[in-house]
Amino acid sequence: MVLPDIGRTITIGGVTTNYHEAGAGRAVVLLHGSGPGVTAWQNWQRIIPRLAERYRVIAPDIVGFGFSPKPEGEKPGIKLWLAHLVGILDALEIEEATLVGNSFGGALSLAMMARHADRVRALVLMGTPAGEFEQTGGLADSYAFEPSLENMGAMMRRFPFDPAIVSDEMIAARFAVAQHNAGLETIRELQPRPTDGRRATVRGVPLEQLEAIDVPTLILHGREDRMIPLDVAIRAHRHIAKSQLHVFGQCGHWVQVEREEEFLAQVAMFLAMTESPQ
């Protein structure tokens, strides 16, 4: 079975890396979220061709997710993810890129600013964990996920404000990937283990690191996000000096899916503002 999630292949530090590329011009790298069965394609399939009308768009499966398998014996973690992302930029001859990060992808984007700020031109952060906050039920469910079509449907319906937007086709597509690689080892490295009767604490990028960010940053968040609370985005906005914050009402964790046209409009305006003078 050939899945649309499978795009081009490049080897990065021994990692057979799956990625999608379209368009030409200034580089925009789309970084997916976490969750069982996630891929770049699952997150960005409708966004890639629209942004590619003006930009060179790269959307990789980060190592440990989708069709970029973790090398045997490697432990998933920020060191591995950063090395993988920098390796992708190097291999594709991208000196500097705008990073558009969804959830985990946003956290990876913030980590890039801490370790490789010279490679980042601007940031777009969506549903991004930062600082410390109480683990939500949605995040705990991802940690405890056991692969089945029924469980996949139940999990996916927690992401948007309106669960009716989650179609049977969407569930089947993501479950097909999860049967190949659910990414559970990687997800459980990201998430604290839920404790019976007590909420665990999620620790995102420390707030003092946010204060050092000096590139233009657009923060997009759904008001009804059940994965990453809105307060987390507001706090990040307060700590990132050059940030703008846009909150979508009646919207959950899937900003780019639930508010596709508005998302594209916000990103297009932001990217235009960060163009270098000619």
C-alpha atoms as a PDB file:
ATOM      1  CA  MET A   1       0.000   0.000   0.000  1.00  0.00           C
ATOM      2  CA  VAL A   2       1.461   3.353  -1.074  1.00  0.00           C
ATOM      3  CA  LEU A   3       0.589   6.110   1.372  1.00  0.00           C
ATOM      4  CA  PRO A   4       0.571   9.819   0.416  1.00  0.00           C
ATOM      5  CA  ASP A   5       2.541  10.430   3.617  1.00  0.00           C
ATOM      6  CA  ILE A   6       5.600   9.051   1.834  1.00  0.00           C
ATOM      7  CA  GLY A   7       7.384  11.729  -0.178  1.00  0.00           C
ATOM      8  CA  ARG A   8      11.076  12.070  -0.949  1.00  0.00           C
ATOM      9  CA  THR A   9      13.876  10.316   0.923  1.00  0.00           C
ATOM     10  CA  ILE A  10      17.212  11.639   2.138  1.00  0.00           C
ATOM     11  CA  THR A  11      19.660  10.081   4.601  1.00  0.00           C
ATOM     12  CA  ILE A  12      20.621  12.304   7.540  1.00  0.00           C
ATOM     13  CA  GLY A  13      23.156  10.953  10.029  1.00  0.00           C
ATOM     14  CA  GLY A  14      22.084   7.409   9.335  1.00  0.00           C
ATOM     15  CA  VAL A  15      18.372   8.300   9.508  1.00  0.00           C
ATOM     16  CA  THR A  16      16.376   7.466   6.387  1.00  0.00           C
ATOM     17  CA  THR A  17      14.323  10.654   6.357  1.00  0.00           C
ATOM     18  CA  ASN A  18      10.934  11.113   4.718  1.00  0.00           C
ATOM     19  CA  TYR A  19      10.078  14.644   3.624  1.00  0.00           C
ATOM     20  CA  HIS A  20       7.959  16.687   1.230  1.00  0.00           C
ATOM     21  CA  GLU A  21       9.232  19.612  -0.811  1.00  0.00           C
ATOM     22  CA  ALA A  22       7.468  22.063  -3.107  1.00  0.00           C
ATOM     23  CA  GLY A  23       7.932  25.559  -4.497  1.00  0.00           C
ATOM     24  CA  ALA A  24      10.945  27.833  -4.742  1.00  0.00           C
ATOM     25  CA  GLY A  25      12.312  30.903  -3.017  1.00  0.00           C
ATOM     26  CA  ARG A  26      12.758  31.672   0.649  1.00  0.00           C
ATOM     27  CA  ALA A  27      12.767  28.488   2.781  1.00  0.00           C
ATOM     28  CA  VAL A  28       9.800  27.738   5.040  1.00  0.00           C
ATOM     29  CA  VAL A  29      10.102  24.539   7.088  1.00  0.00           C
ATOM     30  CA  LEU A  30       6.873  23.017   8.422  1.00  0.00           C
ATOM     31  CA  LEU A  31       7.372  20.972  11.597  1.00  0.00           C
ATOM     32  CA  HIS A  32       4.626  18.558  12.612  1.00  0.00           C
ATOM     33  CA  GLY A  33       3.220  17.855  16.062  1.00  0.00           C
ATOM     34  CA  SER A  34       3.425  14.617  18.003  1.00  0.00           C
ATOM     35  CA  GLY A  35       0.718  12.021  18.598  1.00  0.00           C
ATOM     36  CA  PRO A  36       0.290   8.422  17.455  1.00  0.00           C
ATOM     37  CA  GLY A  37       0.577   7.998  13.687  1.00  0.00           C
ATOM     38  CA  VAL A  38       1.569  11.597  13.020  1.00  0.00           C
ATOM     39  CA  THR A  39       3.455  12.571   9.860  1.00  0.00           C
ATOM     40  CA  ALA A  40       4.326  15.811   8.122  1.00  0.00           C
ATOM     41  CA  TRP A  41       1.722  14.956   5.492  1.00  0.00           C
ATOM     42  CA  GLN A  42      -1.012  14.420   8.106  1.00  0.00           C
ATOM     43  CA  ASN A  43      -0.324  17.884   9.531  1.00  0.00           C
ATOM     44  CA  TRP A  44       0.413  19.894   6.398  1.00  0.00           C
ATOM     45  CA  GLN A  45      -1.057  18.286   3.273  1.00  0.00           C
ATOM     46  CA  ARG A  46      -3.407  21.191   2.534  1.00  0.00           C
ATOM     47  CA  ILE A  47      -0.891  23.856   3.557  1.00  0.00           C
ATOM     48  CA  ILE A  48       2.132  22.743   1.522  1.00  0.00           C
ATOM     49  CA  PRO A  49       0.783  23.608  -1.967  1.00  0.00           C
ATOM     50  CA  ARG A  50      -0.629  26.946  -0.828  1.00  0.00           C
ATOM     51  CA  LEU A  51       2.613  28.206   0.721  1.00  0.00           C
ATOM     52  CA  ALA A  52       4.594  26.726  -2.182  1.00  0.00           C
ATOM     53  CA  GLU A  53       3.001  29.291  -4.485  1.00  0.00           C
ATOM     54  CA  ARG A  54       5.538  31.759  -3.109  1.00  0.00           C
ATOM     55  CA  TYR A  55       8.081  29.893  -0.970  1.00  0.00           C
ATOM     56  CA  ARG A  56      10.283  26.818  -0.948  1.00  0.00           C
ATOM     57  CA  VAL A  57       8.395  24.593   1.476  1.00  0.00           C
ATOM     58  CA  ILE A  58      10.008  21.660   3.290  1.00  0.00           C
ATOM     59  CA  ALA A  59       7.943  19.354   5.528  1.00  0.00           C
ATOM     60  CA  PRO A  60       9.953  16.498   7.084  1.00  0.00           C
ATOM     61  CA  ASP A  61       9.005  13.595   9.302  1.00  0.00           C
ATOM     62  CA  ILE A  62      11.227  14.219  12.328  1.00  0.00           C
ATOM     63  CA  VAL A  63      13.237  11.180  13.442  1.00  0.00           C
ATOM     64  CA  GLY A  64      11.138   8.770  15.492  1.00  0.00           C
ATOM     65  CA  PHE A  65       7.882   9.810  13.822  1.00  0.00           C
ATOM     66  CA  GLY A  66       6.134   8.711  10.654  1.00  0.00           C
ATOM     67  CA  PHE A  67       8.483   7.363   8.006  1.00  0.00           C
ATOM     68  CA  SER A  68      11.751   8.648   9.512  1.00  0.00           C
ATOM     69  CA  PRO A  69      12.569   5.683  11.775  1.00  0.00           C
ATOM     70  CA  LYS A  70      14.774   6.077  14.825  1.00  0.00           C
ATOM     71  CA  PRO A  71      18.106   4.260  14.437  1.00  0.00           C
ATOM     72  CA  GLU A  72      18.430   1.096  16.495  1.00  0.00           C
ATOM     73  CA  GLY A  73      19.816   1.879  19.941  1.00  0.00           C
ATOM     74  CA  GLU A  74      19.220   5.649  19.705  1.00  0.00           C
ATOM     75  CA  LYS A  75      17.166   7.247  22.441  1.00  0.00           C
ATOM     76  CA  PRO A  76      14.616   9.843  21.291  1.00  0.00           C
ATOM     77  CA  GLY A  77      15.221  13.285  22.729  1.00  0.00           C
ATOM     78  CA  ILE A  78      15.991  16.901  21.950  1.00  0.00           C
ATOM     79  CA  LYS A  79      19.639  16.231  21.055  1.00  0.00           C
ATOM     80  CA  LEU A  80      18.643  13.701  18.385  1.00  0.00           C
ATOM     81  CA  TRP A  81      15.766  15.830  17.042  1.00  0.00           C
ATOM     82  CA  LEU A  82      17.909  18.957  16.759  1.00  0.00           C
ATOM     83  CA  ALA A  83      20.750  17.114  15.048  1.00  0.00           C
ATOM     84  CA  HIS A  84      18.236  15.640  12.604  1.00  0.00           C
ATOM     85  CA  LEU A  85      16.652  18.997  11.777  1.00  0.00           C
ATOM     86  CA  VAL A  86      20.006  20.760  11.345  1.00  0.00           C
ATOM     87  CA  GLY A  87      21.134  17.850   9.163  1.00  0.00           C
ATOM     88  CA  ILE A  88      18.065  18.305   6.961  1.00  0.00           C
ATOM     89  CA  LEU A  89      18.831  22.017   6.538  1.00  0.00           C
ATOM     90  CA  ASP A  90      22.450  21.236   5.690  1.00  0.00           C
ATOM     91  CA  ALA A  91      21.603  18.481   3.203  1.00  0.00           C
ATOM     92  CA  LEU A  92      19.065  20.681   1.424  1.00  0.00           C
ATOM     93  CA  GLU A  93      21.506  23.630   1.443  1.00  0.00           C
ATOM     94  CA  ILE A  94      19.249  25.859   3.525  1.00  0.00           C
ATOM     95  CA  GLU A  95      21.320  28.353   5.488  1.00  0.00           C
ATOM     96  CA  GLU A  96      18.373  30.094   7.124  1.00  0.00           C
ATOM     97  CA  ALA A  97      14.678  29.231   7.320  1.00  0.00           C
ATOM     98  CA  THR A  98      11.403  30.354   8.793  1.00  0.00           C
ATOM     99  CA  LEU A  99      10.193  27.560  11.059  1.00  0.00           C
ATOM    100  CA  VAL A 100       6.454  26.896  11.309  1.00  0.00           C
ATOM    101  CA  GLY A 101       6.023  24.581  14.275  1.00  0.00           C
ATOM    102  CA  ASN A 102       2.854  22.811  15.333  1.00  0.00           C
ATOM    103  CA  SER A 103       2.819  21.681  19.000  1.00  0.00           C
ATOM    104  CA  PHE A 104       5.932  19.445  19.290  1.00  0.00           C
ATOM    105  CA  GLY A 105       7.188  21.156  16.127  1.00  0.00           C
ATOM    106  CA  GLY A 106       6.860  24.507  17.889  1.00  0.00           C
ATOM    107  CA  ALA A 107       8.853  23.202  20.856  1.00  0.00           C
ATOM    108  CA  LEU A 108      11.536  21.972  18.448  1.00  0.00           C
ATOM    109  CA  SER A 109      11.560  25.415  16.819  1.00  0.00           C
ATOM    110  CA  LEU A 110      12.152  27.042  20.215  1.00  0.00           C
ATOM    111  CA  ALA A 111      14.974  24.591  20.913  1.00  0.00           C
ATOM    112  CA  MET A 112      16.529  25.591  17.574  1.00  0.00           C
ATOM    113  CA  MET A 113      16.542  29.191  18.769  1.00  0.00           C
ATOM    114  CA  ALA A 114      18.445  28.146  21.881  1.00  0.00           C
ATOM    115  CA  ARG A 115      21.079  26.055  20.056  1.00  0.00           C
ATOM    116  CA  HIS A 116      21.125  27.185  16.410  1.00  0.00           C
ATOM    117  CA  ALA A 117      19.616  30.677  16.324  1.00  0.00           C
ATOM    118  CA  ASP A 118      21.730  31.600  13.288  1.00  0.00           C
ATOM    119  CA  ARG A 119      19.702  29.139  11.184  1.00  0.00           C
ATOM    120  CA  VAL A 120      16.313  30.667  12.060  1.00  0.00           C
ATOM    121  CA  ARG A 121      14.923  33.706  10.289  1.00  0.00           C
ATOM    122  CA  ALA A 122      11.485  33.848  11.930  1.00  0.00           C
ATOM    123  CA  LEU A 123       9.093  31.647  13.908  1.00  0.00           C
ATOM    124  CA  VAL A 124       5.448  30.673  13.629  1.00  0.00           C
ATOM    125  CA  LEU A 125       4.313  28.759  16.724  1.00  0.00           C
ATOM    126  CA  MET A 126       0.999  26.907  16.995  1.00  0.00           C
ATOM    127  CA  GLY A 127      -0.246  25.168  20.128  1.00  0.00           C
ATOM    128  CA  THR A 128       3.312  25.197  21.428  1.00  0.00           C
ATOM    129  CA  PRO A 129       4.298  24.087  24.941  1.00  0.00           C
ATOM    130  CA  ALA A 130       6.522  26.535  26.822  1.00  0.00           C
ATOM    131  CA  GLY A 131       7.372  26.861  30.488  1.00  0.00           C
ATOM    132  CA  GLU A 132       5.707  24.528  32.987  1.00  0.00           C
ATOM    133  CA  PHE A 133       2.021  23.660  33.051  1.00  0.00           C
ATOM    134  CA  GLU A 134      -0.278  20.943  34.294  1.00  0.00           C
ATOM    135  CA  GLN A 135      -0.592  18.023  31.895  1.00  0.00           C
ATOM    136  CA  THR A 136      -3.944  18.088  30.117  1.00  0.00           C
ATOM    137  CA  GLY A 137      -6.156  15.065  29.632  1.00  0.00           C
ATOM    138  CA  GLY A 138      -5.462  15.153  25.909  1.00  0.00           C
ATOM    139  CA  LEU A 139      -1.699  14.888  26.409  1.00  0.00           C
ATOM    140  CA  ALA A 140      -2.123  12.098  28.947  1.00  0.00           C
ATOM    141  CA  ASP A 141      -4.276  10.189  26.455  1.00  0.00           C
ATOM    142  CA  SER A 142      -1.513  10.365  23.825  1.00  0.00           C
ATOM    143  CA  TYR A 143       0.924   8.851  26.307  1.00  0.00           C
ATOM    144  CA  ALA A 144      -1.430   5.976  27.107  1.00  0.00           C
ATOM    145  CA  PHE A 145      -2.564   5.307  23.519  1.00  0.00           C
ATOM    146  CA  GLU A 146      -2.990   1.677  22.473  1.00  0.00           C
ATOM    147  CA  PRO A 147      -3.265   1.228  18.692  1.00  0.00           C
ATOM    148  CA  SER A 148      -6.747   0.468  17.362  1.00  0.00           C
ATOM    149  CA  LEU A 149      -9.011   2.180  14.852  1.00  0.00           C
ATOM    150  CA  GLU A 150     -11.492   2.997  17.629  1.00  0.00           C
ATOM    151  CA  ASN A 151      -8.825   4.511  19.874  1.00  0.00           C
ATOM    152  CA  MET A 152      -7.433   6.516  16.958  1.00  0.00           C
ATOM    153  CA  GLY A 153     -10.852   8.027  16.280  1.00  0.00           C
ATOM    154  CA  ALA A 154     -11.390   8.888  19.937  1.00  0.00           C
ATOM    155  CA  MET A 155      -7.944  10.508  20.175  1.00  0.00           C
ATOM    156  CA  MET A 156      -8.304  12.540  16.979  1.00  0.00           C
ATOM    157  CA  ARG A 157     -11.701  13.916  17.994  1.00  0.00           C
ATOM    158  CA  ARG A 158     -10.056  15.516  21.035  1.00  0.00           C
ATOM    159  CA  PHE A 159      -7.876  17.766  18.875  1.00  0.00           C
ATOM    160  CA  PRO A 160     -10.419  20.108  17.223  1.00  0.00           C
ATOM    161  CA  PHE A 161     -13.103  22.247  18.834  1.00  0.00           C
ATOM    162  CA  ASP A 162     -15.734  20.555  16.653  1.00  0.00           C
ATOM    163  CA  PRO A 163     -15.096  16.790  16.555  1.00  0.00           C
ATOM    164  CA  ALA A 164     -17.415  16.485  13.535  1.00  0.00           C
ATOM    165  CA  ILE A 165     -14.593  17.695  11.281  1.00  0.00           C
ATOM    166  CA  VAL A 166     -12.754  14.423  11.929  1.00  0.00           C
ATOM    167  CA  SER A 167     -13.870  12.149   9.094  1.00  0.00           C
ATOM    168  CA  ASP A 168     -13.639   8.377   8.851  1.00  0.00           C
ATOM    169  CA  GLU A 169     -11.120   8.902   6.030  1.00  0.00           C
ATOM    170  CA  MET A 170      -8.890  11.027   8.287  1.00  0.00           C
ATOM    171  CA  ILE A 171      -8.982   8.392  11.020  1.00  0.00           C
ATOM    172  CA  ALA A 172      -8.217   5.562   8.601  1.00  0.00           C
ATOM    173  CA  ALA A 173      -5.324   7.494   7.040  1.00  0.00           C
ATOM    174  CA  ARG A 174      -3.648   8.175  10.361  1.00  0.00           C
ATOM    175  CA  PHE A 175      -4.286   4.662  11.646  1.00  0.00           C
ATOM    176  CA  ALA A 176      -2.612   3.267   8.521  1.00  0.00           C
ATOM    177  CA  VAL A 177       0.540   5.177   9.488  1.00  0.00           C
ATOM    178  CA  ALA A 178       0.251   4.119  13.145  1.00  0.00           C
ATOM    179  CA  GLN A 179       0.252   0.468  12.077  1.00  0.00           C
ATOM    180  CA  HIS A 180       3.640   1.142  10.480  1.00  0.00           C
ATOM    181  CA  ASN A 181       4.962   3.393  13.255  1.00  0.00           C
ATOM    182  CA  ALA A 182       2.793   4.753  16.047  1.00  0.00           C
ATOM    183  CA  GLY A 183       5.766   6.733  17.425  1.00  0.00           C
ATOM    184  CA  LEU A 184       4.862   5.712  20.977  1.00  0.00           C
ATOM    185  CA  GLU A 185       8.446   5.472  22.248  1.00  0.00           C
ATOM    186  CA  THR A 186       9.089   8.997  20.997  1.00  0.00           C
ATOM    187  CA  ILE A 187       5.815  10.335  22.432  1.00  0.00           C
ATOM    188  CA  ARG A 188       6.547   8.818  25.836  1.00  0.00           C
ATOM    189  CA  GLU A 189       9.919  10.527  25.859  1.00  0.00           C
ATOM    190  CA  LEU A 190       8.133  13.836  25.271  1.00  0.00           C
ATOM    191  CA  GLN A 191       5.401  13.358  27.869  1.00  0.00           C
ATOM    192  CA  PRO A 192       5.671  12.853  31.626  1.00  0.00           C
ATOM    193  CA  ARG A 193       4.137   9.581  32.760  1.00  0.00           C
ATOM    194  CA  PRO A 194       0.601  10.224  34.075  1.00  0.00           C
ATOM    195  CA  THR A 195       0.208   9.374  37.763  1.00  0.00           C
ATOM    196  CA  ASP A 196      -3.042   7.960  39.135  1.00  0.00           C
ATOM    197  CA  GLY A 197      -4.994  10.671  40.907  1.00  0.00           C
ATOM    198  CA  ARG A 198      -2.454  13.413  40.200  1.00  0.00           C
ATOM    199  CA  ARG A 199      -1.727  15.637  37.229  1.00  0.00           C
ATOM    200  CA  ALA A 200       1.837  15.452  35.964  1.00  0.00           C
ATOM    201  CA  THR A 201       3.775  18.616  35.142  1.00  0.00           C
ATOM    202  CA  VAL A 202       4.738  19.262  31.517  1.00  0.00           C
ATOM    203  CA  ARG A 203       8.047  21.100  31.181  1.00  0.00           C
ATOM    204  CA  GLY A 204       8.460  22.984  27.927  1.00  0.00           C
ATOM    205  CA  VAL A 205      11.265  25.315  26.913  1.00  0.00           C
ATOM    206  CA  PRO A 206      12.155  27.422  29.995  1.00  0.00           C
ATOM    207  CA  LEU A 207      10.719  30.922  29.968  1.00  0.00           C
ATOM    208  CA  GLU A 208      14.157  32.528  30.336  1.00  0.00           C
ATOM    209  CA  GLN A 209      15.101  31.016  26.971  1.00  0.00           C
ATOM    210  CA  LEU A 210      12.077  32.703  25.404  1.00  0.00           C
ATOM    211  CA  GLU A 211      13.359  36.073  26.576  1.00  0.00           C
ATOM    212  CA  ALA A 212      16.513  35.560  24.489  1.00  0.00           C
ATOM    213  CA  ILE A 213      14.560  35.104  21.229  1.00  0.00           C
ATOM    214  CA  ASP A 214      15.126  38.105  18.979  1.00  0.00           C
ATOM    215  CA  VAL A 215      13.524  37.039  15.681  1.00  0.00           C
ATOM    216  CA  PRO A 216       9.984  37.966  14.572  1.00  0.00           C
ATOM    217  CA  THR A 217       7.546  35.437  16.025  1.00  0.00           C
ATOM    218  CA  LEU A 218       3.888  34.782  15.265  1.00  0.00           C
ATOM    219  CA  ILE A 219       1.994  32.793  17.917  1.00  0.00           C
ATOM    220  CA  LEU A 220      -1.292  31.192  16.816  1.00  0.00           C
ATOM    221  CA  HIS A 221      -3.529  29.375  19.276  1.00  0.00           C
ATOM    222  CA  GLY A 222      -7.023  27.960  19.532  1.00  0.00           C
ATOM    223  CA  ARG A 223      -8.990  29.339  22.455  1.00  0.00           C
ATOM    224  CA  GLU A 224     -10.494  25.913  23.169  1.00  0.00           C
ATOM    225  CA  ASP A 225      -7.241  23.964  22.787  1.00  0.00           C
ATOM    226  CA  ARG A 226      -7.569  20.896  25.037  1.00  0.00           C
ATOM    227  CA  MET A 227      -3.934  19.852  24.576  1.00  0.00           C
ATOM    228  CA  ILE A 228      -1.970  23.035  25.281  1.00  0.00           C
ATOM    229  CA  PRO A 229      -3.938  25.619  27.307  1.00  0.00           C
ATOM    230  CA  LEU A 230      -4.324  29.146  25.918  1.00  0.00           C
ATOM    231  CA  ASP A 231      -2.553  30.534  29.002  1.00  0.00           C
ATOM    232  CA  VAL A 232       0.651  28.878  27.773  1.00  0.00           C
ATOM    233  CA  ALA A 233       0.522  30.892  24.530  1.00  0.00           C
ATOM    234  CA  ILE A 234      -0.245  34.127  26.373  1.00  0.00           C
ATOM    235  CA  ARG A 235       2.718  33.561  28.668  1.00  0.00           C
ATOM    236  CA  ALA A 236       5.018  32.869  25.712  1.00  0.00           C
ATOM    237  CA  HIS A 237       3.819  36.077  24.060  1.00  0.00           C
ATOM    238  CA  ARG A 238       4.749  38.024  27.165  1.00  0.00           C
ATOM    239  CA  HIS A 239       8.273  36.593  27.153  1.00  0.00           C
ATOM    240  CA  ILE A 240       9.132  36.829  23.432  1.00  0.00           C
ATOM    241  CA  ALA A 241       9.854  40.485  22.723  1.00  0.00           C
ATOM    242  CA  LYS A 242       9.151  40.472  18.971  1.00  0.00           C
ATOM    243  CA  SER A 243       6.038  38.303  19.127  1.00  0.00           C
ATOM    244  CA  GLN A 244       2.490  38.757  17.917  1.00  0.00           C
ATOM    245  CA  LEU A 245      -0.364  36.619  19.250  1.00  0.00           C
ATOM    246  CA  HIS A 246      -3.551  35.698  17.392  1.00  0.00           C
ATOM    247  CA  VAL A 247      -6.223  33.629  19.155  1.00  0.00           C
ATOM    248  CA  PHE A 248      -8.862  31.766  17.152  1.00  0.00           C
ATOM    249  CA  GLY A 249     -12.225  31.414  18.880  1.00  0.00           C
ATOM    250  CA  GLN A 250     -14.109  28.107  18.678  1.00  0.00           C
ATOM    251  CA  CYS A 251     -10.854  26.433  17.697  1.00  0.00           C
ATOM    252  CA  GLY A 252      -8.890  23.623  19.290  1.00  0.00           C
ATOM    253  CA  HIS A 253      -5.368  22.295  18.742  1.00  0.00           C
ATOM    254  CA  TRP A 254      -5.531  22.016  14.924  1.00  0.00           C
ATOM    255  CA  VAL A 255      -5.347  25.666  13.910  1.00  0.00           C
ATOM    256  CA  GLN A 256      -4.125  24.887  10.382  1.00  0.00           C
ATOM    257  CA  VAL A 257      -6.999  22.433   9.836  1.00  0.00           C
ATOM    258  CA  GLU A 258      -9.840  24.139  11.712  1.00  0.00           C
ATOM    259  CA  ARG A 259      -9.051  27.646  10.479  1.00  0.00           C
ATOM    260  CA  GLU A 260      -7.190  26.887   7.269  1.00  0.00           C
ATOM    261  CA  GLU A 261      -7.920  30.097   5.347  1.00  0.00           C
ATOM    262  CA  GLU A 262      -7.413  32.346   8.354  1.00  0.00           C
ATOM    263  CA  PHE A 263      -4.233  30.474   9.233  1.00  0.00           C
ATOM    264  CA  LEU A 264      -2.870  30.981   5.726  1.00  0.00           C
ATOM    265  CA  ALA A 265      -3.813  34.645   5.768  1.00  0.00           C
ATOM    266  CA  GLN A 266      -2.037  35.223   9.080  1.00  0.00           C
ATOM    267  CA  VAL A 267       1.078  33.353   7.957  1.00  0.00           C
ATOM    268  CA  ALA A 268       1.181  35.051   4.548  1.00  0.00           C
ATOM    269  CA  MET A 269       0.946  38.503   6.144  1.00  0.00           C
ATOM    270  CA  PHE A 270       3.617  37.618   8.694  1.00  0.00           C
ATOM    271  CA  LEU A 271       5.997  36.191   6.086  1.00  0.00           C
ATOM    272  CA  ALA A 272       5.543  39.287   3.927  1.00  0.00           C
ATOM    273  CA  MET A 273       6.389  41.500   6.917  1.00  0.00           C
ATOM    274  CA  THR A 274       9.608  39.579   7.520  1.00  0.00           C
ATOM    275  CA  GLU A 275      10.865  39.796   3.934  1.00  0.00           C
ATOM    276  CA  SER A 276      14.194  41.585   3.578  1.00  0.00           C
ATOM    277  CA  PRO A 277      14.024  44.895   1.731  1.00  0.00           C
ATOM    278  CA  GLN A 278      14.943  44.518  -1.925  1.00  0.00           C
END
